[in-house]
Amino acid sequence: MKRLVIAISILLLNATAVFAVQISTNSKRLILNERLHYKVKWGFLTIGTASASTDKRIFKIGSDLCCKIELKARTNGLARLFYMNNHWVSYVTLNSITTCKSLRSISEGKYRLEEIVDFNSEKKQAALREYDKSSNKYVLKNLYETPERTRDVVAGFMLIRIIDFSSLQNGDRIRIDGFYKKEGYKIDVIYAGKEYLKTAKGKILCHKIKPIVPKNKVFDDVDAVEVWLTADKAQYIVHARAQLVFGELEMELVSPEKL
């Protein structure tokens, strides 16, 4: 479950054009006070849940008006061998969907991490602070160089909801720049056109995207991850699938009830 959630989030960061493909949001905006819930399956077993939500309030971070976005992911009793209960929070600017501040609370097995990252777009820096149990304070660990407009995994997860896919052709590529776990990275994503996806709610017309991921000990091949988004104004991430070396993981939208 952890790998699927991370894979989905990483591929949705900071879209910029490749091969003259222009990315447009078509003046769309984030939806406030929204709750999306997912179930995560390994084969036929439901091993956990994930959720994405936006606060109903608008927050001011420095001079920027921001939306507060939360992602949560946890395993259930069927996955005790790789227990996970993670929580991401980001304050994302309303005008450019870039990250001003992010918080991570990670609980994986016996591993624990609490961190805060403050992004400074003018200085192109990210200041990372980690919680120190002995002093009961968040301590500055490092300053990292970033692009002028930086999106963490949470902002990236939501950015895909407002991209205007009508400007893309089947086979077009989008380049992804992001900041995750103290470093930046780049991933190419292929737009695979529209197709009908069979779900418990019936067939839904979707946009399909495929990130080019490195073939390693986790992913089975470079095109191991596929994501489907509803081809409507909401552009819900309705389904995701990852072929991993230890089996197939899927994430399915279970709410909102009406699509």
Foldseek 3Di string as FASTA:
>chain_A
DVVQLVVLLQVLADWDFDPPQHKDLPPDWDDAADKWKKFKDFVPRGFWIKIKHWHNDWDDDPNFIWIKMKIWIFTDPVPVVWTWTKIKIFTAGGPPLFTQKIWIFIDTPPDTWTKIWGADLVVQKIWIWTQDPVVRDTHTDDIDGHHSGAHESRSSSRVVQRIDCVSDDQQGKIWHWHDDDHDIDIKIKGWHQWDWDQDPVGTAIWTKMFIQCDPDQFAPHRRQKMWTFGPDNRRHGAKMWGQTPVGIMMMGIPDPPPD
